[in-house]
C-alpha atoms as a PDB file:
ATOM      1  CA  MET A   1     -56.193  93.927  32.502  1.00  0.00           C
ATOM      2  CA  ASN A   2     -54.664  93.871  29.140  1.00  0.00           C
ATOM      3  CA  LYS A   3     -51.038  94.100  31.351  1.00  0.00           C
ATOM      4  CA  THR A   4     -51.748  91.303  33.135  1.00  0.00           C
ATOM      5  CA  ILE A   5     -52.512  88.944  29.936  1.00  0.00           C
ATOM      6  CA  LEU A   6     -49.557  90.504  28.133  1.00  0.00           C
ATOM      7  CA  HIS A   7     -47.856  89.418  31.503  1.00  0.00           C
ATOM      8  CA  LEU A   8     -49.230  86.055  31.631  1.00  0.00           C
ATOM      9  CA  THR A   9     -48.424  85.224  27.832  1.00  0.00           C
ATOM     10  CA  LEU A  10     -45.020  86.366  27.108  1.00  0.00           C
ATOM     11  CA  PRO A  11     -42.876  83.407  28.887  1.00  0.00           C
ATOM     12  CA  ALA A  12     -45.253  80.866  26.679  1.00  0.00           C
ATOM     13  CA  LEU A  13     -44.619  82.814  23.572  1.00  0.00           C
ATOM     14  CA  LEU A  14     -40.661  83.086  24.462  1.00  0.00           C
ATOM     15  CA  ALA A  15     -40.936  79.050  24.704  1.00  0.00           C
ATOM     16  CA  ALA A  16     -42.296  79.095  21.613  1.00  0.00           C
ATOM     17  CA  LEU A  17     -39.951  81.204  19.543  1.00  0.00           C
ATOM     18  CA  MET A  18     -37.418  79.114  21.133  1.00  0.00           C
ATOM     19  CA  LEU A  19     -38.780  76.175  19.924  1.00  0.00           C
ATOM     20  CA  VAL A  20     -38.851  77.146  16.480  1.00  0.00           C
ATOM     21  CA  ALA A  21     -35.466  78.243  16.458  1.00  0.00           C
ATOM     22  CA  ALA A  22     -34.645  74.925  17.834  1.00  0.00           C
ATOM     23  CA  CYS A  23     -36.171  73.314  15.028  1.00  0.00           C
ATOM     24  CA  SER A  24     -34.823  75.613  12.535  1.00  0.00           C
ATOM     25  CA  SER A  25     -31.755  74.901  13.259  1.00  0.00           C
ATOM     26  CA  ALA A  26     -31.976  70.882  13.385  1.00  0.00           C
ATOM     27  CA  PRO A  27     -30.622  69.164  10.217  1.00  0.00           C
ATOM     28  CA  THR A  28     -32.946  68.254   7.244  1.00  0.00           C
ATOM     29  CA  SER A  29     -33.558  64.667   6.838  1.00  0.00           C
ATOM     30  CA  THR A  30     -35.964  62.657   4.306  1.00  0.00           C
ATOM     31  CA  GLY A  31     -37.429  59.112   4.533  1.00  0.00           C
ATOM     32  CA  LEU A  32     -34.930  58.119   1.151  1.00  0.00           C
ATOM     33  CA  LEU A  33     -31.718  59.779   3.203  1.00  0.00           C
ATOM     34  CA  ASP A  34     -32.798  57.588   6.160  1.00  0.00           C
ATOM     35  CA  GLN A  35     -33.106  54.668   4.071  1.00  0.00           C
ATOM     36  CA  THR A  36     -29.890  55.204   2.462  1.00  0.00           C
ATOM     37  CA  ARG A  37     -27.887  54.990   5.530  1.00  0.00           C
ATOM     38  CA  GLY A  38     -29.646  51.720   6.366  1.00  0.00           C
ATOM     39  CA  ASP A  39     -28.151  50.516   3.115  1.00  0.00           C
ATOM     40  CA  TYR A  40     -25.010  51.783   3.973  1.00  0.00           C
ATOM     41  CA  MET A  41     -25.071  50.185   7.132  1.00  0.00           C
ATOM     42  CA  ALA A  42     -25.955  46.530   5.748  1.00  0.00           C
ATOM     43  CA  ALA A  43     -23.456  46.690   3.070  1.00  0.00           C
ATOM     44  CA  GLN A  44     -20.826  47.771   5.441  1.00  0.00           C
ATOM     45  CA  SER A  45     -21.910  44.548   7.753  1.00  0.00           C
ATOM     46  CA  ASN A  46     -21.415  42.177   4.566  1.00  0.00           C
ATOM     47  CA  PRO A  47     -17.741  41.242   4.382  1.00  0.00           C
ATOM     48  CA  THR A  48     -18.036  40.608   0.838  1.00  0.00           C
ATOM     49  CA  VAL A  49     -18.560  44.034  -0.212  1.00  0.00           C
ATOM     50  CA  SER A  50     -15.164  45.348   1.362  1.00  0.00           C
ATOM     51  CA  SER A  51     -13.329  42.213   0.206  1.00  0.00           C
ATOM     52  CA  PHE A  52     -14.695  42.396  -3.793  1.00  0.00           C
ATOM     53  CA  ALA A  53     -15.647  46.172  -4.065  1.00  0.00           C
ATOM     54  CA  PRO A  54     -13.720  47.932  -2.306  1.00  0.00           C
ATOM     55  CA  LEU A  55     -13.632  51.228  -4.471  1.00  0.00           C
ATOM     56  CA  GLU A  56     -17.324  51.216  -5.367  1.00  0.00           C
ATOM     57  CA  PHE A  57     -17.987  50.992  -1.467  1.00  0.00           C
ATOM     58  CA  LYS A  58     -15.672  53.909  -0.864  1.00  0.00           C
ATOM     59  CA  GLN A  59     -17.457  55.903  -3.693  1.00  0.00           C
ATOM     60  CA  ALA A  60     -20.907  55.109  -1.969  1.00  0.00           C
ATOM     61  CA  GLY A  61     -19.478  56.173   0.912  1.00  0.00           C
ATOM     62  CA  ASP A  62     -18.324  59.889  -0.168  1.00  0.00           C
ATOM     63  CA  ALA A  63     -21.765  60.237  -2.564  1.00  0.00           C
ATOM     64  CA  LEU A  64     -23.741  59.190   1.456  1.00  0.00           C
ATOM     65  CA  GLU A  65     -21.656  62.126   2.997  1.00  0.00           C
ATOM     66  CA  GLN A  66     -22.515  64.378   0.372  1.00  0.00           C
ATOM     67  CA  ALA A  67     -26.332  64.033   0.850  1.00  0.00           C
ATOM     68  CA  ASN A  68     -25.622  64.021   4.640  1.00  0.00           C
ATOM     69  CA  ALA A  69     -23.794  67.400   4.478  1.00  0.00           C
ATOM     70  CA  ALA A  70     -26.715  68.547   2.578  1.00  0.00           C
ATOM     71  CA  ALA A  71     -28.946  67.866   5.140  1.00  0.00           C
ATOM     72  CA  ALA A  72     -26.816  69.415   7.723  1.00  0.00           C
ATOM     73  CA  ARG A  73     -27.027  72.535   5.921  1.00  0.00           C
ATOM     74  CA  ARG A  74     -30.426  72.365   5.099  1.00  0.00           C
ATOM     75  CA  GLU A  75     -30.449  72.415   1.833  1.00  0.00           C
ATOM     76  CA  SER A  76     -33.818  71.955   0.119  1.00  0.00           C
ATOM     77  CA  LEU A  77     -35.527  68.856   0.409  1.00  0.00           C
ATOM     78  CA  GLU A  78     -35.469  67.864  -3.193  1.00  0.00           C
ATOM     79  CA  GLN A  79     -31.608  68.745  -3.423  1.00  0.00           C
ATOM     80  CA  VAL A  80     -31.177  65.978   0.041  1.00  0.00           C
ATOM     81  CA  ASP A  81     -33.136  63.288  -1.529  1.00  0.00           C
ATOM     82  CA  ARG A  82     -30.978  64.001  -5.310  1.00  0.00           C
ATOM     83  CA  LEU A  83     -27.955  63.247  -3.217  1.00  0.00           C
ATOM     84  CA  ALA A  84     -29.450  60.461  -1.169  1.00  0.00           C
ATOM     85  CA  TYR A  85     -30.338  59.030  -4.581  1.00  0.00           C
ATOM     86  CA  VAL A  86     -26.823  59.187  -6.050  1.00  0.00           C
ATOM     87  CA  ALA A  87     -25.662  57.277  -2.792  1.00  0.00           C
ATOM     88  CA  LYS A  88     -28.101  54.814  -2.754  1.00  0.00           C
ATOM     89  CA  GLN A  89     -28.012  53.698  -6.527  1.00  0.00           C
ATOM     90  CA  LYS A  90     -23.874  53.643  -5.984  1.00  0.00           C
ATOM     91  CA  ILE A  91     -24.410  51.580  -2.564  1.00  0.00           C
ATOM     92  CA  ALA A  92     -26.414  49.242  -4.777  1.00  0.00           C
ATOM     93  CA  THR A  93     -23.669  49.131  -7.480  1.00  0.00           C
ATOM     94  CA  ALA A  94     -21.279  48.195  -5.242  1.00  0.00           C
ATOM     95  CA  GLN A  95     -23.558  45.241  -3.657  1.00  0.00           C
ATOM     96  CA  GLU A  96     -23.464  43.960  -6.954  1.00  0.00           C
ATOM     97  CA  VAL A  97     -20.194  44.037  -8.205  1.00  0.00           C
ATOM     98  CA  ALA A  98     -19.279  42.361  -4.610  1.00  0.00           C
ATOM     99  CA  LYS A  99     -21.857  39.905  -5.527  1.00  0.00           C
ATOM    100  CA  GLN A 100     -20.447  39.448  -9.069  1.00  0.00           C
ATOM    101  CA  LYS A 101     -16.966  38.631  -8.354  1.00  0.00           C
ATOM    102  CA  SER A 102     -17.878  36.759  -5.141  1.00  0.00           C
ATOM    103  CA  ALA A 103     -19.460  34.468  -7.649  1.00  0.00           C
ATOM    104  CA  GLU A 104     -16.559  33.907  -9.829  1.00  0.00           C
ATOM    105  CA  ALA A 105     -13.746  33.956  -7.208  1.00  0.00           C
ATOM    106  CA  GLU A 106     -16.589  30.787  -6.136  1.00  0.00           C
ATOM    107  CA  VAL A 107     -16.304  29.631  -9.616  1.00  0.00           C
ATOM    108  CA  ALA A 108     -12.676  29.983 -10.081  1.00  0.00           C
ATOM    109  CA  ASN A 109     -12.046  28.638  -6.702  1.00  0.00           C
ATOM    110  CA  ALA A 110     -13.984  25.235  -7.320  1.00  0.00           C
ATOM    111  CA  ALA A 111     -12.159  25.534 -10.903  1.00  0.00           C
ATOM    112  CA  ARG A 112      -8.812  25.206  -8.822  1.00  0.00           C
ATOM    113  CA  GLN A 113      -9.966  22.566  -6.979  1.00  0.00           C
ATOM    114  CA  ARG A 114     -10.843  20.393  -9.594  1.00  0.00           C
ATOM    115  CA  ASP A 115      -7.618  21.145 -10.906  1.00  0.00           C
ATOM    116  CA  GLN A 116      -5.910  20.078  -7.711  1.00  0.00           C
ATOM    117  CA  LEU A 117      -8.111  16.963  -7.292  1.00  0.00           C
ATOM    118  CA  ARG A 118      -7.020  15.638 -10.997  1.00  0.00           C
ATOM    119  CA  LEU A 119      -3.424  16.846  -9.994  1.00  0.00           C
ATOM    120  CA  ASP A 120      -3.932  14.921  -6.824  1.00  0.00           C
ATOM    121  CA  VAL A 121      -5.521  12.064  -8.795  1.00  0.00           C
ATOM    122  CA  ARG A 122      -2.517  12.234 -11.494  1.00  0.00           C
ATOM    123  CA  THR A 123      -0.138  12.490  -8.635  1.00  0.00           C
ATOM    124  CA  GLN A 124      -1.438   9.149  -7.051  1.00  0.00           C
ATOM    125  CA  GLU A 125      -1.722   7.105  -9.857  1.00  0.00           C
ATOM    126  CA  ALA A 126       2.233   8.065 -11.001  1.00  0.00           C
ATOM    127  CA  GLU A 127       3.039   6.815  -7.222  1.00  0.00           C
ATOM    128  CA  GLN A 128       1.138   3.581  -7.716  1.00  0.00           C
ATOM    129  CA  ALA A 129       2.694   3.334 -11.354  1.00  0.00           C
ATOM    130  CA  ARG A 130       6.208   4.234  -9.312  1.00  0.00           C
ATOM    131  CA  MET A 131       5.746   1.634  -6.675  1.00  0.00           C
ATOM    132  CA  LYS A 132       4.294  -1.036  -8.893  1.00  0.00           C
ATOM    133  CA  ALA A 133       7.540  -0.779 -10.844  1.00  0.00           C
ATOM    134  CA  GLU A 134       9.712  -0.988  -7.788  1.00  0.00           C
ATOM    135  CA  GLN A 135       7.895  -3.630  -6.777  1.00  0.00           C
ATOM    136  CA  ALA A 136       8.443  -5.944  -9.955  1.00  0.00           C
ATOM    137  CA  GLN A 137      11.932  -4.517 -10.078  1.00  0.00           C
ATOM    138  CA  ARG A 138      12.637  -5.984  -6.321  1.00  0.00           C
ATOM    139  CA  GLN A 139      10.587  -8.919  -7.567  1.00  0.00           C
ATOM    140  CA  ALA A 140      12.584  -9.538 -10.674  1.00  0.00           C
ATOM    141  CA  GLN A 141      15.932  -9.136  -8.610  1.00  0.00           C
ATOM    142  CA  SER A 142      14.510 -11.309  -5.719  1.00  0.00           C
ATOM    143  CA  ALA A 143      13.972 -14.110  -8.421  1.00  0.00           C
ATOM    144  CA  GLU A 144      17.463 -13.578  -9.979  1.00  0.00           C
ATOM    145  CA  ALA A 145      18.687 -14.029  -6.854  1.00  0.00           C
ATOM    146  CA  ALA A 146      16.869 -17.045  -6.046  1.00  0.00           C
ATOM    147  CA  LYS A 147      17.627 -18.182  -9.534  1.00  0.00           C
ATOM    148  CA  GLY A 148      21.282 -17.753  -9.036  1.00  0.00           C
ATOM    149  CA  GLN A 149      20.932 -19.052  -5.266  1.00  0.00           C
ATOM    150  CA  ALA A 150      19.246 -22.266  -6.903  1.00  0.00           C
ATOM    151  CA  GLN A 151      21.945 -22.480  -9.412  1.00  0.00           C
ATOM    152  CA  ALA A 152      24.680 -22.439  -6.703  1.00  0.00           C
ATOM    153  CA  ARG A 153      23.002 -25.002  -4.877  1.00  0.00           C
ATOM    154  CA  ALA A 154      22.885 -27.010  -8.018  1.00  0.00           C
ATOM    155  CA  ASP A 155      25.975 -26.953  -8.745  1.00  0.00           C
ATOM    156  CA  ALA A 156      27.347 -27.766  -5.519  1.00  0.00           C
ATOM    157  CA  LEU A 157      24.883 -30.420  -5.381  1.00  0.00           C
ATOM    158  CA  ALA A 158      26.117 -31.852  -8.882  1.00  0.00           C
ATOM    159  CA  ALA A 159      29.832 -31.663  -7.632  1.00  0.00           C
ATOM    160  CA  GLN A 160      28.769 -34.011  -4.463  1.00  0.00           C
ATOM    161  CA  LEU A 161      26.786 -36.277  -6.594  1.00  0.00           C
ATOM    162  CA  ALA A 162      29.654 -37.040  -8.870  1.00  0.00           C
ATOM    163  CA  ASP A 163      31.997 -38.247  -5.746  1.00  0.00           C
ATOM    164  CA  LEU A 164      29.060 -40.428  -4.804  1.00  0.00           C
ATOM    165  CA  ALA A 165      29.134 -41.370  -8.827  1.00  0.00           C
ATOM    166  CA  ALA A 166      25.111 -40.633  -8.872  1.00  0.00           C
ATOM    167  CA  LYS A 167      23.211 -41.563 -11.737  1.00  0.00           C
ATOM    168  CA  LYS A 168      19.732 -39.346 -13.436  1.00  0.00           C
ATOM    169  CA  THR A 169      16.903 -41.450 -13.703  1.00  0.00           C
ATOM    170  CA  GLU A 170      13.119 -40.748 -14.394  1.00  0.00           C
ATOM    171  CA  ARG A 171      12.623 -41.316 -10.469  1.00  0.00           C
ATOM    172  CA  GLY A 172      15.226 -39.013  -9.519  1.00  0.00           C
ATOM    173  CA  THR A 173      19.139 -38.751  -8.757  1.00  0.00           C
ATOM    174  CA  VAL A 174      20.318 -42.526  -7.952  1.00  0.00           C
ATOM    175  CA  ILE A 175      23.223 -43.295  -5.646  1.00  0.00           C
ATOM    176  CA  THR A 176      24.740 -47.243  -5.458  1.00  0.00           C
ATOM    177  CA  LEU A 177      25.978 -48.688  -2.967  1.00  0.00           C
ATOM    178  CA  GLY A 178      27.125 -52.115  -3.869  1.00  0.00           C
ATOM    179  CA  ASP A 179      27.531 -55.563  -1.737  1.00  0.00           C
ATOM    180  CA  VAL A 180      30.953 -54.765  -0.963  1.00  0.00           C
ATOM    181  CA  LEU A 181      30.145 -52.175   1.028  1.00  0.00           C
ATOM    182  CA  PHE A 182      28.211 -54.584   3.685  1.00  0.00           C
ATOM    183  CA  ASP A 183      29.614 -57.277   5.304  1.00  0.00           C
ATOM    184  CA  SER A 184      28.895 -60.659   3.771  1.00  0.00           C
ATOM    185  CA  ASN A 185      25.284 -61.728   3.477  1.00  0.00           C
ATOM    186  CA  GLN A 186      24.794 -58.893   6.450  1.00  0.00           C
ATOM    187  CA  ALA A 187      22.964 -55.934   6.804  1.00  0.00           C
ATOM    188  CA  ARG A 188      25.965 -53.908   8.547  1.00  0.00           C
ATOM    189  CA  LEU A 189      27.719 -51.418   6.436  1.00  0.00           C
ATOM    190  CA  THR A 190      31.688 -51.673   6.117  1.00  0.00           C
ATOM    191  CA  PRO A 191      34.019 -48.442   6.967  1.00  0.00           C
ATOM    192  CA  GLU A 192      33.679 -47.927   3.253  1.00  0.00           C
ATOM    193  CA  GLY A 193      29.969 -48.202   3.525  1.00  0.00           C
ATOM    194  CA  MET A 194      29.960 -45.858   6.818  1.00  0.00           C
ATOM    195  CA  LEU A 195      32.175 -43.606   4.248  1.00  0.00           C
ATOM    196  CA  MET A 196      29.690 -43.337   1.605  1.00  0.00           C
ATOM    197  CA  ALA A 197      26.748 -42.748   4.126  1.00  0.00           C
ATOM    198  CA  ARG A 198      28.381 -40.114   5.516  1.00  0.00           C
ATOM    199  CA  LYS A 199      28.712 -38.028   2.137  1.00  0.00           C
ATOM    200  CA  LEU A 200      25.081 -38.605   1.525  1.00  0.00           C
ATOM    201  CA  ALA A 201      24.635 -37.469   4.871  1.00  0.00           C
ATOM    202  CA  ASP A 202      26.040 -34.357   3.509  1.00  0.00           C
ATOM    203  CA  VAL A 203      24.172 -33.793   0.779  1.00  0.00           C
ATOM    204  CA  LEU A 204      21.430 -33.754   2.648  1.00  0.00           C
ATOM    205  CA  ALA A 205      22.423 -31.476   5.068  1.00  0.00           C
ATOM    206  CA  LYS A 206      22.939 -28.451   2.614  1.00  0.00           C
ATOM    207  CA  HIS A 207      19.920 -29.577   0.689  1.00  0.00           C
ATOM    208  CA  PRO A 208      17.046 -29.874   3.579  1.00  0.00           C
ATOM    209  CA  GLN A 209      14.139 -30.003   1.066  1.00  0.00           C
ATOM    210  CA  ARG A 210      15.204 -32.740  -0.429  1.00  0.00           C
ATOM    211  CA  THR A 211      14.050 -36.714   0.683  1.00  0.00           C
ATOM    212  CA  VAL A 212      15.714 -40.132   0.116  1.00  0.00           C
ATOM    213  CA  LEU A 213      14.144 -43.356  -0.442  1.00  0.00           C
ATOM    214  CA  ILE A 214      16.264 -46.358   0.260  1.00  0.00           C
ATOM    215  CA  GLU A 215      16.092 -49.454  -1.433  1.00  0.00           C
ATOM    216  CA  GLY A 216      17.225 -53.027  -0.852  1.00  0.00           C
ATOM    217  CA  PHE A 217      17.874 -55.458  -3.345  1.00  0.00           C
ATOM    218  CA  THR A 218      19.780 -59.226  -3.184  1.00  0.00           C
ATOM    219  CA  ASP A 219      20.495 -61.913  -5.803  1.00  0.00           C
ATOM    220  CA  SER A 220      17.999 -65.191  -6.669  1.00  0.00           C
ATOM    221  CA  ILE A 221      20.440 -67.492  -4.446  1.00  0.00           C
ATOM    222  CA  GLY A 222      18.350 -68.353  -1.130  1.00  0.00           C
ATOM    223  CA  GLY A 223      15.485 -68.389  -0.335  1.00  0.00           C
ATOM    224  CA  ALA A 224      12.658 -65.579  -1.151  1.00  0.00           C
ATOM    225  CA  ALA A 225      11.668 -64.526   2.269  1.00  0.00           C
ATOM    226  CA  HIS A 226      15.169 -64.268   3.215  1.00  0.00           C
ATOM    227  CA  ASN A 227      16.451 -62.278   0.293  1.00  0.00           C
ATOM    228  CA  LEU A 228      13.662 -59.662   0.938  1.00  0.00           C
ATOM    229  CA  ALA A 229      14.398 -59.268   5.181  1.00  0.00           C
ATOM    230  CA  LEU A 230      18.086 -58.889   3.876  1.00  0.00           C
ATOM    231  CA  SER A 231      17.460 -56.385   1.367  1.00  0.00           C
ATOM    232  CA  GLN A 232      14.942 -54.251   3.811  1.00  0.00           C
ATOM    233  CA  ARG A 233      17.574 -54.467   6.824  1.00  0.00           C
ATOM    234  CA  ARG A 234      20.526 -53.435   4.749  1.00  0.00           C
ATOM    235  CA  ALA A 235      18.139 -50.738   3.676  1.00  0.00           C
ATOM    236  CA  GLU A 236      17.118 -49.842   7.455  1.00  0.00           C
ATOM    237  CA  ALA A 237      21.344 -50.169   7.918  1.00  0.00           C
ATOM    238  CA  VAL A 238      21.536 -46.767   5.503  1.00  0.00           C
ATOM    239  CA  ARG A 239      18.936 -45.191   7.182  1.00  0.00           C
ATOM    240  CA  ASN A 240      20.002 -45.709  10.968  1.00  0.00           C
ATOM    241  CA  ALA A 241      23.321 -44.771   9.884  1.00  0.00           C
ATOM    242  CA  LEU A 242      22.003 -41.454   8.433  1.00  0.00           C
ATOM    243  CA  LEU A 243      19.747 -41.036  11.649  1.00  0.00           C
ATOM    244  CA  ASP A 244      22.779 -40.806  13.445  1.00  0.00           C
ATOM    245  CA  MET A 245      24.598 -38.451  11.350  1.00  0.00           C
ATOM    246  CA  GLY A 246      21.521 -36.380  12.052  1.00  0.00           C
ATOM    247  CA  ILE A 247      19.393 -36.480   9.098  1.00  0.00           C
ATOM    248  CA  SER A 248      15.295 -36.243  10.675  1.00  0.00           C
ATOM    249  CA  GLY A 249      13.578 -39.519   9.902  1.00  0.00           C
ATOM    250  CA  ASP A 250      11.017 -37.950   8.298  1.00  0.00           C
ATOM    251  CA  ARG A 251      13.146 -37.405   5.303  1.00  0.00           C
ATOM    252  CA  ILE A 252      14.193 -41.352   5.109  1.00  0.00           C
ATOM    253  CA  ALA A 253      11.995 -43.483   3.509  1.00  0.00           C
ATOM    254  CA  THR A 254      12.835 -47.740   3.022  1.00  0.00           C
ATOM    255  CA  ARG A 255      11.985 -50.524   1.222  1.00  0.00           C
ATOM    256  CA  GLY A 256      13.161 -53.991   0.640  1.00  0.00           C
ATOM    257  CA  TYR A 257      12.829 -55.865  -2.491  1.00  0.00           C
ATOM    258  CA  GLY A 258      14.631 -58.890  -2.168  1.00  0.00           C
ATOM    259  CA  GLU A 259      15.618 -60.647  -5.542  1.00  0.00           C
ATOM    260  CA  ALA A 260      12.802 -58.289  -7.317  1.00  0.00           C
ATOM    261  CA  TYR A 261      13.990 -55.644  -9.967  1.00  0.00           C
ATOM    262  CA  PRO A 262      17.088 -56.971 -10.969  1.00  0.00           C
ATOM    263  CA  VAL A 263      19.665 -54.888 -13.041  1.00  0.00           C
ATOM    264  CA  ALA A 264      21.546 -58.470 -14.647  1.00  0.00           C
ATOM    265  CA  GLY A 265      21.301 -62.003 -14.643  1.00  0.00           C
ATOM    266  CA  ASN A 266      21.555 -64.153 -11.767  1.00  0.00           C
ATOM    267  CA  ASP A 267      23.206 -67.123 -13.668  1.00  0.00           C
ATOM    268  CA  ARG A 268      26.821 -65.754 -13.116  1.00  0.00           C
ATOM    269  CA  ALA A 269      28.560 -64.857 -10.171  1.00  0.00           C
ATOM    270  CA  GLY A 270      29.855 -61.399 -11.486  1.00  0.00           C
ATOM    271  CA  ASP A 271      26.063 -60.610 -12.512  1.00  0.00           C
ATOM    272  CA  ARG A 272      24.572 -61.942  -9.353  1.00  0.00           C
ATOM    273  CA  LYS A 273      27.133 -59.227  -7.421  1.00  0.00           C
ATOM    274  CA  LEU A 274      25.677 -56.397  -9.534  1.00  0.00           C
ATOM    275  CA  ASN A 275      22.080 -57.316  -8.362  1.00  0.00           C
ATOM    276  CA  ARG A 276      22.988 -57.256  -4.525  1.00  0.00           C
ATOM    277  CA  ARG A 277      22.756 -53.543  -3.712  1.00  0.00           C
ATOM    278  CA  VAL A 278      20.983 -50.833  -2.313  1.00  0.00           C
ATOM    279  CA  GLU A 279      19.868 -48.047  -3.888  1.00  0.00           C
ATOM    280  CA  ILE A 280      19.393 -44.728  -2.657  1.00  0.00           C
ATOM    281  CA  VAL A 281      16.727 -42.348  -4.755  1.00  0.00           C
ATOM    282  CA  LEU A 282      17.182 -38.839  -4.241  1.00  0.00           C
ATOM    283  CA  SER A 283      14.509 -36.488  -4.679  1.00  0.00           C
ATOM    284  CA  GLU A 284      13.967 -33.539  -6.624  1.00  0.00           C
ATOM    285  CA  GLU A 285      13.757 -30.312  -4.337  1.00  0.00           C
ATOM    286  CA  GLY A 286      10.715 -30.258  -2.667  1.00  0.00           C
ATOM    287  CA  ALA A 287       9.356 -33.275  -5.147  1.00  0.00           C
ATOM    288  CA  ALA A 288       8.327 -36.608  -3.694  1.00  0.00           C
ATOM    289  CA  ILE A 289      10.135 -39.993  -4.905  1.00  0.00           C
ATOM    290  CA  PRO A 290       7.589 -42.183  -6.937  1.00  0.00           C
ATOM    291  CA  LEU A 291       7.591 -45.910  -6.131  1.00  0.00           C
ATOM    292  CA  ARG A 292       8.171 -48.797  -7.707  1.00  0.00           C
ATOM    293  CA  GLY A 293       5.329 -49.842  -9.783  1.00  0.00           C
END
């Protein structure tokens, strides 16, 4: 009976001994070591730790390897926990260093951004100032060129008007066509009168911003109605000549005054001759010609 019992329990006993042997060969581990391993994995997955605390993290890894090695050698739990604690502290140090350096980097980056913003603002202001200066220079050059062109036109006009014996008055520049430039008691221009009209047309063609007012006058001999009509016809004769020479009608106005506004007496023939005239008033550039009161 005893032999039978011994035979039946021997396999179970051998299995138990193998289990004990297997357990005795397994590495030693503690709760602290497992926690430290978890901390290490968390730090390893944090890119700021490897970026800003690579040396501290390596030291933490080395300390954890020592704790793992002690566990593998099945050293005492106290020794394993002591090494795991050291590793845990080094992991915490690496994380803190990374956090601090990351914050410092953010501050430095913010400072760089502020500096860059200030630089961009100053650069923009300088560029705007440069553009304004260039614009002012261009405007000054343009004004100077316009002034030069205006002076050139004025000089050319002065030369042309001198050939027409023009006079400067309060109403503008006045060119006088005497009675001799019309057929006697007629409104038709003589060849000399047509030559004067041609010179006036040349002036107007070269100065398109100017207009003319053509005014006709007579002496006091004859009826007032006849003289008024004759003065108007003579003004119209000059206008028609200018139209035929290519001057736009909207630049030419006419008015007949008859025997009004004499420039000399009407008692002597020589004075009456001065009153029989056509006056052509040339406007200033872009200005209107004031009418007689």
